[in-house]
PDB file of all heavy atoms in Angstrom:
ATOM      1  N   LEU A   1       3.744   0.971  10.764  1.00  0.00           N
ATOM      2  CA  LEU A   1       4.589   0.929  11.951  1.00  0.00           C
ATOM      3  C   LEU A   1       3.881   1.581  13.130  1.00  0.00           C
ATOM      4  O   LEU A   1       3.281   2.656  12.980  1.00  0.00           O
ATOM      5  CB  LEU A   1       5.917   1.654  11.697  1.00  0.00           C
ATOM      6  CG  LEU A   1       6.721   1.195  10.480  1.00  0.00           C
ATOM      7  CD1 LEU A   1       7.998   2.018  10.352  1.00  0.00           C
ATOM      8  CD2 LEU A   1       7.052  -0.289  10.575  1.00  0.00           C
ATOM      9  N   TYR A   2       3.967   0.951  14.302  1.00  0.00           N
ATOM     10  CA  TYR A   2       3.380   1.512  15.515  1.00  0.00           C
ATOM     11  C   TYR A   2       4.465   2.248  16.281  1.00  0.00           C
ATOM     12  O   TYR A   2       5.505   1.674  16.602  1.00  0.00           O
ATOM     13  CB  TYR A   2       2.775   0.396  16.364  1.00  0.00           C
ATOM     14  CG  TYR A   2       2.114   0.887  17.627  1.00  0.00           C
ATOM     15  CD1 TYR A   2       1.109   1.860  17.582  1.00  0.00           C
ATOM     16  CD2 TYR A   2       2.478   0.380  18.865  1.00  0.00           C
ATOM     17  CE1 TYR A   2       0.492   2.304  18.732  1.00  0.00           C
ATOM     18  CE2 TYR A   2       1.861   0.822  20.027  1.00  0.00           C
ATOM     19  CZ  TYR A   2       0.874   1.780  19.959  1.00  0.00           C
ATOM     20  OH  TYR A   2       0.262   2.229  21.106  1.00  0.00           O
ATOM     21  N   THR A   3       4.236   3.526  16.583  1.00  0.00           N
ATOM     22  CA  THR A   3       5.251   4.349  17.250  1.00  0.00           C
ATOM     23  C   THR A   3       5.161   4.286  18.764  1.00  0.00           C
ATOM     24  O   THR A   3       6.025   4.796  19.464  1.00  0.00           O
ATOM     25  CB  THR A   3       5.105   5.819  16.829  1.00  0.00           C
ATOM     26  OG1 THR A   3       3.863   6.330  17.351  1.00  0.00           O
ATOM     27  CG2 THR A   3       5.143   5.969  15.320  1.00  0.00           C
ATOM     28  N   GLY A   4       4.117   3.679  19.281  1.00  0.00           N
ATOM     29  CA  GLY A   4       3.870   3.683  20.714  1.00  0.00           C
ATOM     30  C   GLY A   4       2.653   4.519  21.062  1.00  0.00           C
ATOM     31  O   GLY A   4       1.992   4.286  22.067  1.00  0.00           O
ATOM     32  N   SER A   5       2.364   5.504  20.204  1.00  0.00           N
ATOM     33  CA  SER A   5       1.186   6.343  20.419  1.00  0.00           C
ATOM     34  C   SER A   5       0.391   6.574  19.139  1.00  0.00           C
ATOM     35  O   SER A   5      -0.693   7.137  19.174  1.00  0.00           O
ATOM     36  CB  SER A   5       1.601   7.703  20.988  1.00  0.00           C
ATOM     37  OG  SER A   5       2.489   8.359  20.095  1.00  0.00           O
ATOM     38  N   ASP A   6       0.943   6.144  18.005  1.00  0.00           N
ATOM     39  CA  ASP A   6       0.284   6.375  16.725  1.00  0.00           C
ATOM     40  C   ASP A   6       0.793   5.349  15.719  1.00  0.00           C
ATOM     41  O   ASP A   6       1.674   4.542  16.032  1.00  0.00           O
ATOM     42  CB  ASP A   6       0.582   7.792  16.229  1.00  0.00           C
ATOM     43  CG  ASP A   6      -0.430   8.283  15.212  1.00  0.00           C
ATOM     44  OD1 ASP A   6      -1.327   7.500  14.823  1.00  0.00           O
ATOM     45  OD2 ASP A   6      -0.329   9.454  14.803  1.00  0.00           O
ATOM     46  N   PHE A   7       0.253   5.397  14.506  1.00  0.00           N
ATOM     47  CA  PHE A   7       0.694   4.519  13.435  1.00  0.00           C
ATOM     48  C   PHE A   7       1.255   5.351  12.298  1.00  0.00           C
ATOM     49  O   PHE A   7       0.745   6.434  11.998  1.00  0.00           O
ATOM     50  CB  PHE A   7      -0.468   3.652  12.921  1.00  0.00           C
ATOM     51  CG  PHE A   7      -0.936   2.634  13.917  1.00  0.00           C
ATOM     52  CD1 PHE A   7      -1.949   2.940  14.814  1.00  0.00           C
ATOM     53  CD2 PHE A   7      -0.357   1.379  13.956  1.00  0.00           C
ATOM     54  CE1 PHE A   7      -2.385   1.999  15.729  1.00  0.00           C
ATOM     55  CE2 PHE A   7      -0.787   0.431  14.869  1.00  0.00           C
ATOM     56  CZ  PHE A   7      -1.799   0.742  15.756  1.00  0.00           C
ATOM     57  N   MET A   8       2.304   4.856  11.665  1.00  0.00           N
ATOM     58  CA  MET A   8       2.891   5.503  10.498  1.00  0.00           C
ATOM     59  C   MET A   8       2.868   4.528   9.332  1.00  0.00           C
ATOM     60  O   MET A   8       3.157   3.345   9.507  1.00  0.00           O
ATOM     61  CB  MET A   8       4.334   5.934  10.778  1.00  0.00           C
ATOM     62  CG  MET A   8       4.469   6.985  11.854  1.00  0.00           C
ATOM     63  SD  MET A   8       6.187   7.469  12.111  1.00  0.00           S
ATOM     64  CE  MET A   8       6.541   8.223  10.534  1.00  0.00           C
ATOM     65  N   ILE A   9       2.526   5.027   8.151  1.00  0.00           N
ATOM     66  CA  ILE A   9       2.511   4.220   6.940  1.00  0.00           C
ATOM     67  C   ILE A   9       3.722   4.597   6.106  1.00  0.00           C
ATOM     68  O   ILE A   9       4.008   5.781   5.909  1.00  0.00           O
ATOM     69  CB  ILE A   9       1.208   4.441   6.144  1.00  0.00           C
ATOM     70  CG1 ILE A   9      -0.002   4.058   7.009  1.00  0.00           C
ATOM     71  CG2 ILE A   9       1.215   3.629   4.852  1.00  0.00           C
ATOM     72  CD1 ILE A   9      -1.337   4.430   6.409  1.00  0.00           C
ATOM     73  N   ILE A  10       4.462   3.600   5.625  1.00  0.00           N
ATOM     74  CA  ILE A  10       5.723   3.847   4.926  1.00  0.00           C
ATOM     75  C   ILE A  10       5.684   3.252   3.514  1.00  0.00           C
ATOM     76  O   ILE A  10       4.750   2.551   3.143  1.00  0.00           O
ATOM     77  CB  ILE A  10       6.917   3.251   5.712  1.00  0.00           C
ATOM     78  CG1 ILE A  10       6.760   1.713   5.854  1.00  0.00           C
ATOM     79  CG2 ILE A  10       7.039   3.910   7.094  1.00  0.00           C
ATOM     80  CD1 ILE A  10       7.996   1.021   6.406  1.00  0.00           C
ATOM     81  N   ASP A  11       6.732   3.547   2.743  1.00  0.00           N
ATOM     82  CA  ASP A  11       6.990   2.940   1.428  1.00  0.00           C
ATOM     83  C   ASP A  11       5.847   3.161   0.437  1.00  0.00           C
ATOM     84  O   ASP A  11       5.148   2.228   0.050  1.00  0.00           O
ATOM     85  CB  ASP A  11       7.277   1.437   1.559  1.00  0.00           C
ATOM     86  CG  ASP A  11       8.624   1.170   2.215  1.00  0.00           C
ATOM     87  OD1 ASP A  11       9.413   2.119   2.347  1.00  0.00           O
ATOM     88  OD2 ASP A  11       8.878   0.024   2.585  1.00  0.00           O
ATOM     89  N   PHE A  12       5.711   4.377  -0.021  1.00  0.00           N
ATOM     90  CA  PHE A  12       4.631   4.732  -0.935  1.00  0.00           C
ATOM     91  C   PHE A  12       5.013   4.570  -2.401  1.00  0.00           C
ATOM     92  O   PHE A  12       4.349   5.127  -3.263  1.00  0.00           O
ATOM     93  CB  PHE A  12       4.190   6.177  -0.673  1.00  0.00           C
ATOM     94  CG  PHE A  12       3.327   6.323   0.549  1.00  0.00           C
ATOM     95  CD1 PHE A  12       3.901   6.467   1.800  1.00  0.00           C
ATOM     96  CD2 PHE A  12       1.947   6.308   0.453  1.00  0.00           C
ATOM     97  CE1 PHE A  12       3.107   6.597   2.932  1.00  0.00           C
ATOM     98  CE2 PHE A  12       1.149   6.443   1.579  1.00  0.00           C
ATOM     99  CZ  PHE A  12       1.732   6.588   2.828  1.00  0.00           C
ATOM    100  N   GLU A  13       6.066   3.820  -2.687  1.00  0.00           N
ATOM    101  CA  GLU A  13       6.484   3.693  -4.089  1.00  0.00           C
ATOM    102  C   GLU A  13       5.675   2.669  -4.868  1.00  0.00           C
ATOM    103  O   GLU A  13       5.880   2.490  -6.066  1.00  0.00           O
ATOM    104  CB  GLU A  13       7.980   3.350  -4.185  1.00  0.00           C
ATOM    105  CG  GLU A  13       8.336   1.918  -3.836  1.00  0.00           C
ATOM    106  CD  GLU A  13       8.596   1.705  -2.350  1.00  0.00           C
ATOM    107  OE1 GLU A  13       8.210   2.572  -1.550  1.00  0.00           O
ATOM    108  OE2 GLU A  13       9.181   0.669  -1.994  1.00  0.00           O
ATOM    109  N   GLY A  14       4.762   1.971  -4.220  1.00  0.00           N
ATOM    110  CA  GLY A  14       3.935   0.984  -4.906  1.00  0.00           C
ATOM    111  C   GLY A  14       4.613  -0.372  -4.974  1.00  0.00           C
ATOM    112  O   GLY A  14       5.684  -0.590  -4.416  1.00  0.00           O
ATOM    113  N   GLU A  15       3.953  -1.289  -5.660  1.00  0.00           N
ATOM    114  CA  GLU A  15       4.474  -2.650  -5.799  1.00  0.00           C
ATOM    115  C   GLU A  15       5.745  -2.634  -6.649  1.00  0.00           C
ATOM    116  O   GLU A  15       5.713  -2.289  -7.830  1.00  0.00           O
ATOM    117  CB  GLU A  15       3.414  -3.537  -6.436  1.00  0.00           C
ATOM    118  CG  GLU A  15       3.865  -4.936  -6.765  1.00  0.00           C
ATOM    119  CD  GLU A  15       4.444  -5.672  -5.578  1.00  0.00           C
ATOM    120  OE1 GLU A  15       3.743  -5.814  -4.570  1.00  0.00           O
ATOM    121  OE2 GLU A  15       5.607  -6.092  -5.669  1.00  0.00           O
ATOM    122  N   PRO A  16       6.894  -3.006  -6.076  1.00  0.00           N
ATOM    123  CA  PRO A  16       8.168  -2.903  -6.801  1.00  0.00           C
ATOM    124  C   PRO A  16       8.223  -3.708  -8.097  1.00  0.00           C
ATOM    125  O   PRO A  16       8.953  -3.344  -9.020  1.00  0.00           O
ATOM    126  CB  PRO A  16       9.194  -3.421  -5.787  1.00  0.00           C
ATOM    127  CG  PRO A  16       8.549  -3.261  -4.454  1.00  0.00           C
ATOM    128  CD  PRO A  16       7.081  -3.444  -4.688  1.00  0.00           C
ATOM    129  N   ALA A  17       7.458  -4.785  -8.188  1.00  0.00           N
ATOM    130  CA  ALA A  17       7.517  -5.634  -9.375  1.00  0.00           C
ATOM    131  C   ALA A  17       6.743  -5.046 -10.560  1.00  0.00           C
ATOM    132  O   ALA A  17       6.895  -5.521 -11.683  1.00  0.00           O
ATOM    133  CB  ALA A  17       6.987  -7.030  -9.056  1.00  0.00           C
ATOM    134  N   ARG A  18       5.940  -4.011 -10.320  1.00  0.00           N
ATOM    135  CA  ARG A  18       5.150  -3.414 -11.395  1.00  0.00           C
ATOM    136  C   ARG A  18       5.918  -2.254 -12.035  1.00  0.00           C
ATOM    137  O   ARG A  18       6.659  -1.546 -11.354  1.00  0.00           O
ATOM    138  CB  ARG A  18       3.804  -2.920 -10.868  1.00  0.00           C
ATOM    139  CG  ARG A  18       2.906  -4.026 -10.331  1.00  0.00           C
ATOM    140  CD  ARG A  18       1.559  -3.452  -9.917  1.00  0.00           C
ATOM    141  NE  ARG A  18       0.732  -4.439  -9.240  1.00  0.00           N
ATOM    142  CZ  ARG A  18      -0.096  -5.269  -9.844  1.00  0.00           C
ATOM    143  NH1 ARG A  18      -0.190  -5.233 -11.157  1.00  0.00           N
ATOM    144  NH2 ARG A  18      -0.825  -6.124  -9.160  1.00  0.00           N
ATOM    145  N   PRO A  19       5.730  -2.015 -13.331  1.00  0.00           N
ATOM    146  CA  PRO A  19       6.401  -0.885 -13.986  1.00  0.00           C
ATOM    147  C   PRO A  19       6.002   0.439 -13.341  1.00  0.00           C
ATOM    148  O   PRO A  19       4.876   0.590 -12.849  1.00  0.00           O
ATOM    149  CB  PRO A  19       5.901  -0.964 -15.428  1.00  0.00           C
ATOM    150  CG  PRO A  19       5.378  -2.355 -15.597  1.00  0.00           C
ATOM    151  CD  PRO A  19       4.905  -2.803 -14.253  1.00  0.00           C
ATOM    152  N   LEU A  20       6.916   1.407 -13.362  1.00  0.00           N
ATOM    153  CA  LEU A  20       6.665   2.693 -12.731  1.00  0.00           C
ATOM    154  C   LEU A  20       5.425   3.380 -13.311  1.00  0.00           C
ATOM    155  O   LEU A  20       4.613   3.945 -12.574  1.00  0.00           O
ATOM    156  CB  LEU A  20       7.891   3.606 -12.886  1.00  0.00           C
ATOM    157  CG  LEU A  20       7.792   4.968 -12.193  1.00  0.00           C
ATOM    158  CD1 LEU A  20       7.563   4.800 -10.702  1.00  0.00           C
ATOM    159  CD2 LEU A  20       9.067   5.772 -12.455  1.00  0.00           C
ATOM    160  N   ALA A  21       5.262   3.324 -14.626  1.00  0.00           N
ATOM    161  CA  ALA A  21       4.099   3.964 -15.255  1.00  0.00           C
ATOM    162  C   ALA A  21       2.797   3.371 -14.728  1.00  0.00           C
ATOM    163  O   ALA A  21       1.804   4.083 -14.530  1.00  0.00           O
ATOM    164  CB  ALA A  21       4.179   3.809 -16.768  1.00  0.00           C
ATOM    165  N   GLU A  22       2.792   2.069 -14.481  1.00  0.00           N
ATOM    166  CA  GLU A  22       1.600   1.409 -13.951  1.00  0.00           C
ATOM    167  C   GLU A  22       1.359   1.816 -12.506  1.00  0.00           C
ATOM    168  O   GLU A  22       0.221   2.032 -12.082  1.00  0.00           O
ATOM    169  CB  GLU A  22       1.787  -0.106 -14.048  1.00  0.00           C
ATOM    170  CG  GLU A  22       0.540  -0.901 -13.756  1.00  0.00           C
ATOM    171  CD  GLU A  22       0.743  -2.389 -13.979  1.00  0.00           C
ATOM    172  OE1 GLU A  22       1.463  -2.763 -14.922  1.00  0.00           O
ATOM    173  OE2 GLU A  22       0.182  -3.184 -13.193  1.00  0.00           O
ATOM    174  N   ARG A  23       2.442   1.960 -11.732  1.00  0.00           N
ATOM    175  CA  ARG A  23       2.304   2.333 -10.323  1.00  0.00           C
ATOM    176  C   ARG A  23       1.789   3.762 -10.158  1.00  0.00           C
ATOM    177  O   ARG A  23       1.193   4.090  -9.141  1.00  0.00           O
ATOM    178  CB  ARG A  23       3.653   2.203  -9.604  1.00  0.00           C
ATOM    179  CG  ARG A  23       4.072   0.769  -9.355  1.00  0.00           C
ATOM    180  CD  ARG A  23       5.341   0.729  -8.554  1.00  0.00           C
ATOM    181  NE  ARG A  23       6.506   0.486  -9.389  1.00  0.00           N
ATOM    182  CZ  ARG A  23       7.763   0.689  -9.006  1.00  0.00           C
ATOM    183  NH1 ARG A  23       8.009   1.172  -7.815  1.00  0.00           N
ATOM    184  NH2 ARG A  23       8.767   0.437  -9.808  1.00  0.00           N
ATOM    185  N   ARG A  24       2.028   4.608 -11.139  1.00  0.00           N
ATOM    186  CA  ARG A  24       1.622   6.008 -11.030  1.00  0.00           C
ATOM    187  C   ARG A  24       0.160   6.228 -11.409  1.00  0.00           C
ATOM    188  O   ARG A  24      -0.383   7.305 -11.178  1.00  0.00           O
ATOM    189  CB  ARG A  24       2.516   6.873 -11.929  1.00  0.00           C
ATOM    190  CG  ARG A  24       3.961   6.915 -11.472  1.00  0.00           C
ATOM    191  CD  ARG A  24       4.810   7.738 -12.407  1.00  0.00           C
ATOM    192  NE  ARG A  24       4.355   9.132 -12.443  1.00  0.00           N
ATOM    193  CZ  ARG A  24       4.819  10.034 -13.300  1.00  0.00           C
ATOM    194  NH1 ARG A  24       5.713   9.691 -14.205  1.00  0.00           N
ATOM    195  NH2 ARG A  24       4.368  11.284 -13.273  1.00  0.00           N
ATOM    196  N   GLN A  25      -0.479   5.249 -11.987  1.00  0.00           N
ATOM    197  CA  GLN A  25      -1.871   5.411 -12.403  1.00  0.00           C
ATOM    198  C   GLN A  25      -2.803   5.554 -11.197  1.00  0.00           C
ATOM    199  O   GLN A  25      -2.578   4.936 -10.155  1.00  0.00           O
ATOM    200  CB  GLN A  25      -2.318   4.205 -13.237  1.00  0.00           C
ATOM    201  CG  GLN A  25      -1.625   4.094 -14.581  1.00  0.00           C
ATOM    202  CD  GLN A  25      -1.997   2.823 -15.313  1.00  0.00           C
ATOM    203  OE1 GLN A  25      -2.730   1.985 -14.794  1.00  0.00           O
ATOM    204  NE2 GLN A  25      -1.491   2.673 -16.517  1.00  0.00           N
ATOM    205  N   LYS A  26      -3.834   6.345 -11.369  1.00  0.00           N
ATOM    206  CA  LYS A  26      -4.856   6.446 -10.327  1.00  0.00           C
ATOM    207  C   LYS A  26      -5.679   5.162 -10.322  1.00  0.00           C
ATOM    208  O   LYS A  26      -5.976   4.607 -11.375  1.00  0.00           O
ATOM    209  CB  LYS A  26      -5.750   7.659 -10.573  1.00  0.00           C
ATOM    210  CG  LYS A  26      -5.029   8.977 -10.354  1.00  0.00           C
ATOM    211  CD  LYS A  26      -5.976  10.158 -10.511  1.00  0.00           C
ATOM    212  CE  LYS A  26      -5.231  11.465 -10.253  1.00  0.00           C
ATOM    213  NZ  LYS A  26      -6.133  12.633 -10.376  1.00  0.00           N
ATOM    214  N   ARG A  27      -6.029   4.719  -9.128  1.00  0.00           N
ATOM    215  CA  ARG A  27      -6.717   3.441  -8.978  1.00  0.00           C
ATOM    216  C   ARG A  27      -7.787   3.550  -7.903  1.00  0.00           C
ATOM    217  O   ARG A  27      -7.895   4.548  -7.205  1.00  0.00           O
ATOM    218  CB  ARG A  27      -5.715   2.344  -8.607  1.00  0.00           C
ATOM    219  CG  ARG A  27      -4.632   2.141  -9.650  1.00  0.00           C
ATOM    220  CD  ARG A  27      -3.688   1.016  -9.261  1.00  0.00           C
ATOM    221  NE  ARG A  27      -2.726   0.796 -10.323  1.00  0.00           N
ATOM    222  CZ  ARG A  27      -2.940   0.071 -11.410  1.00  0.00           C
ATOM    223  NH1 ARG A  27      -4.107  -0.510 -11.581  1.00  0.00           N
ATOM    224  NH2 ARG A  27      -2.003  -0.078 -12.323  1.00  0.00           N
ATOM    225  N   SER A  28      -8.506   2.463  -7.730  1.00  0.00           N
ATOM    226  CA  SER A  28      -9.497   2.396  -6.656  1.00  0.00           C
ATOM    227  C   SER A  28      -8.793   2.216  -5.310  1.00  0.00           C
ATOM    228  O   SER A  28      -7.865   1.405  -5.172  1.00  0.00           O
ATOM    229  CB  SER A  28     -10.441   1.207  -6.887  1.00  0.00           C
ATOM    230  OG  SER A  28     -11.218   0.973  -5.727  1.00  0.00           O
ATOM    231  N   ALA A  29      -9.263   2.967  -4.318  1.00  0.00           N
ATOM    232  CA  ALA A  29      -8.724   2.820  -2.963  1.00  0.00           C
ATOM    233  C   ALA A  29      -8.943   1.412  -2.421  1.00  0.00           C
ATOM    234  O   ALA A  29      -8.235   0.962  -1.514  1.00  0.00           O
ATOM    235  CB  ALA A  29      -9.374   3.846  -2.039  1.00  0.00           C
ATOM    236  N   LEU A  30      -9.915   0.692  -2.978  1.00  0.00           N
ATOM    237  CA  LEU A  30     -10.188  -0.662  -2.505  1.00  0.00           C
ATOM    238  C   LEU A  30      -9.056  -1.632  -2.833  1.00  0.00           C
ATOM    239  O   LEU A  30      -8.979  -2.708  -2.243  1.00  0.00           O
ATOM    240  CB  LEU A  30     -11.508  -1.167  -3.099  1.00  0.00           C
ATOM    241  CG  LEU A  30     -12.758  -0.486  -2.529  1.00  0.00           C
ATOM    242  CD1 LEU A  30     -13.993  -0.887  -3.299  1.00  0.00           C
ATOM    243  CD2 LEU A  30     -12.917  -0.790  -1.040  1.00  0.00           C
ATOM    244  N   GLN A  31      -8.163  -1.266  -3.735  1.00  0.00           N
ATOM    245  CA  GLN A  31      -6.993  -2.114  -3.968  1.00  0.00           C
ATOM    246  C   GLN A  31      -6.109  -2.155  -2.726  1.00  0.00           C
ATOM    247  O   GLN A  31      -5.567  -3.207  -2.373  1.00  0.00           O
ATOM    248  CB  GLN A  31      -6.196  -1.636  -5.173  1.00  0.00           C
ATOM    249  CG  GLN A  31      -6.851  -2.004  -6.490  1.00  0.00           C
ATOM    250  CD  GLN A  31      -5.933  -1.761  -7.671  1.00  0.00           C
ATOM    251  OE1 GLN A  31      -5.852  -0.644  -8.172  1.00  0.00           O
ATOM    252  NE2 GLN A  31      -5.267  -2.793  -8.116  1.00  0.00           N
ATOM    253  N   ASP A  32      -5.955  -1.008  -2.054  1.00  0.00           N
ATOM    254  CA  ASP A  32      -5.194  -0.994  -0.809  1.00  0.00           C
ATOM    255  C   ASP A  32      -5.918  -1.754   0.295  1.00  0.00           C
ATOM    256  O   ASP A  32      -5.302  -2.455   1.106  1.00  0.00           O
ATOM    257  CB  ASP A  32      -4.926   0.442  -0.359  1.00  0.00           C
ATOM    258  CG  ASP A  32      -3.756   1.088  -1.080  1.00  0.00           C
ATOM    259  OD1 ASP A  32      -2.967   0.358  -1.725  1.00  0.00           O
ATOM    260  OD2 ASP A  32      -3.610   2.322  -0.988  1.00  0.00           O
ATOM    261  N   VAL A  33      -7.239  -1.629   0.338  1.00  0.00           N
ATOM    262  CA  VAL A  33      -8.019  -2.380   1.330  1.00  0.00           C
ATOM    263  C   VAL A  33      -7.826  -3.881   1.108  1.00  0.00           C
ATOM    264  O   VAL A  33      -7.597  -4.637   2.055  1.00  0.00           O
ATOM    265  CB  VAL A  33      -9.517  -2.004   1.238  1.00  0.00           C
ATOM    266  CG1 VAL A  33     -10.353  -2.886   2.168  1.00  0.00           C
ATOM    267  CG2 VAL A  33      -9.707  -0.534   1.583  1.00  0.00           C
ATOM    268  N   ALA A  34      -7.880  -4.305  -0.141  1.00  0.00           N
ATOM    269  CA  ALA A  34      -7.674  -5.722  -0.458  1.00  0.00           C
ATOM    270  C   ALA A  34      -6.277  -6.173  -0.045  1.00  0.00           C
ATOM    271  O   ALA A  34      -6.099  -7.279   0.471  1.00  0.00           O
ATOM    272  CB  ALA A  34      -7.888  -5.967  -1.951  1.00  0.00           C
ATOM    273  N   GLY A  35      -5.278  -5.324  -0.263  1.00  0.00           N
ATOM    274  CA  GLY A  35      -3.918  -5.671   0.139  1.00  0.00           C
ATOM    275  C   GLY A  35      -3.809  -5.912   1.631  1.00  0.00           C
ATOM    276  O   GLY A  35      -3.146  -6.859   2.076  1.00  0.00           O
ATOM    277  N   MET A  36      -4.466  -5.078   2.429  1.00  0.00           N
ATOM    278  CA  MET A  36      -4.408  -5.266   3.878  1.00  0.00           C
ATOM    279  C   MET A  36      -5.176  -6.518   4.300  1.00  0.00           C
ATOM    280  O   MET A  36      -4.720  -7.267   5.170  1.00  0.00           O
ATOM    281  CB  MET A  36      -4.956  -4.031   4.597  1.00  0.00           C
ATOM    282  CG  MET A  36      -4.827  -4.094   6.111  1.00  0.00           C
ATOM    283  SD  MET A  36      -3.112  -4.309   6.700  1.00  0.00           S
ATOM    284  CE  MET A  36      -2.439  -2.687   6.359  1.00  0.00           C
ATOM    285  N   LEU A  37      -6.318  -6.760   3.690  1.00  0.00           N
ATOM    286  CA  LEU A  37      -7.080  -7.968   4.022  1.00  0.00           C
ATOM    287  C   LEU A  37      -6.282  -9.227   3.702  1.00  0.00           C
ATOM    288  O   LEU A  37      -6.277 -10.194   4.477  1.00  0.00           O
ATOM    289  CB  LEU A  37      -8.416  -7.975   3.275  1.00  0.00           C
ATOM    290  CG  LEU A  37      -9.420  -6.900   3.711  1.00  0.00           C
ATOM    291  CD1 LEU A  37     -10.619  -6.880   2.779  1.00  0.00           C
ATOM    292  CD2 LEU A  37      -9.872  -7.121   5.156  1.00  0.00           C
ATOM    293  N   ARG A  38      -5.589  -9.232   2.584  1.00  0.00           N
ATOM    294  CA  ARG A  38      -4.740 -10.375   2.245  1.00  0.00           C
ATOM    295  C   ARG A  38      -3.584 -10.492   3.241  1.00  0.00           C
ATOM    296  O   ARG A  38      -3.138 -11.600   3.567  1.00  0.00           O
ATOM    297  CB  ARG A  38      -4.201 -10.238   0.817  1.00  0.00           C
ATOM    298  CG  ARG A  38      -5.232 -10.353  -0.277  1.00  0.00           C
ATOM    299  CD  ARG A  38      -5.867 -11.733  -0.372  1.00  0.00           C
ATOM    300  NE  ARG A  38      -4.857 -12.768  -0.400  1.00  0.00           N
ATOM    301  CZ  ARG A  38      -4.907 -13.879   0.323  1.00  0.00           C
ATOM    302  NH1 ARG A  38      -5.931 -14.119   1.126  1.00  0.00           N
ATOM    303  NH2 ARG A  38      -3.930 -14.774   0.234  1.00  0.00           N
ATOM    304  N   SER A  39      -3.105  -9.368   3.732  1.00  0.00           N
ATOM    305  CA  SER A  39      -2.006  -9.384   4.696  1.00  0.00           C
ATOM    306  C   SER A  39      -2.417 -10.057   6.010  1.00  0.00           C
ATOM    307  O   SER A  39      -1.619 -10.743   6.647  1.00  0.00           O
ATOM    308  CB  SER A  39      -1.542  -7.948   4.966  1.00  0.00           C
ATOM    309  OG  SER A  39      -0.404  -7.915   5.789  1.00  0.00           O
ATOM    310  N   PHE A  40      -3.674  -9.882   6.405  1.00  0.00           N
ATOM    311  CA  PHE A  40      -4.161 -10.565   7.616  1.00  0.00           C
ATOM    312  C   PHE A  40      -4.115 -12.080   7.424  1.00  0.00           C
ATOM    313  O   PHE A  40      -3.816 -12.831   8.365  1.00  0.00           O
ATOM    314  CB  PHE A  40      -5.583 -10.122   7.949  1.00  0.00           C
ATOM    315  CG  PHE A  40      -5.712  -8.668   8.325  1.00  0.00           C
ATOM    316  CD1 PHE A  40      -6.842  -7.951   7.976  1.00  0.00           C
ATOM    317  CD2 PHE A  40      -4.708  -8.015   9.024  1.00  0.00           C
ATOM    318  CE1 PHE A  40      -6.967  -6.616   8.310  1.00  0.00           C
ATOM    319  CE2 PHE A  40      -4.822  -6.674   9.368  1.00  0.00           C
ATOM    320  CZ  PHE A  40      -5.956  -5.973   9.005  1.00  0.00           C
ATOM    321  N   HIS A  41      -4.438 -12.541   6.217  1.00  0.00           N
ATOM    322  CA  HIS A  41      -4.372 -13.964   5.915  1.00  0.00           C
ATOM    323  C   HIS A  41      -2.944 -14.472   6.089  1.00  0.00           C
ATOM    324  O   HIS A  41      -2.698 -15.528   6.689  1.00  0.00           O
ATOM    325  CB  HIS A  41      -4.872 -14.196   4.485  1.00  0.00           C
ATOM    326  CG  HIS A  41      -5.230 -15.615   4.180  1.00  0.00           C
ATOM    327  ND1 HIS A  41      -5.547 -16.047   2.918  1.00  0.00           N
ATOM    328  CD2 HIS A  41      -5.320 -16.719   4.964  1.00  0.00           C
ATOM    329  CE1 HIS A  41      -5.816 -17.345   2.940  1.00  0.00           C
ATOM    330  NE2 HIS A  41      -5.677 -17.777   4.165  1.00  0.00           N
TER     331      HIS A  41
END
């Protein structure tokens, strides 16, 4: 979200369709990068 002077990132609960135990696992930061790149598409 753009506040007018900065950006805020929300909803850190992970992908809702995945089990909670899977969402809590440590992962590569590049998964988030891939998510944003797909979002541009």
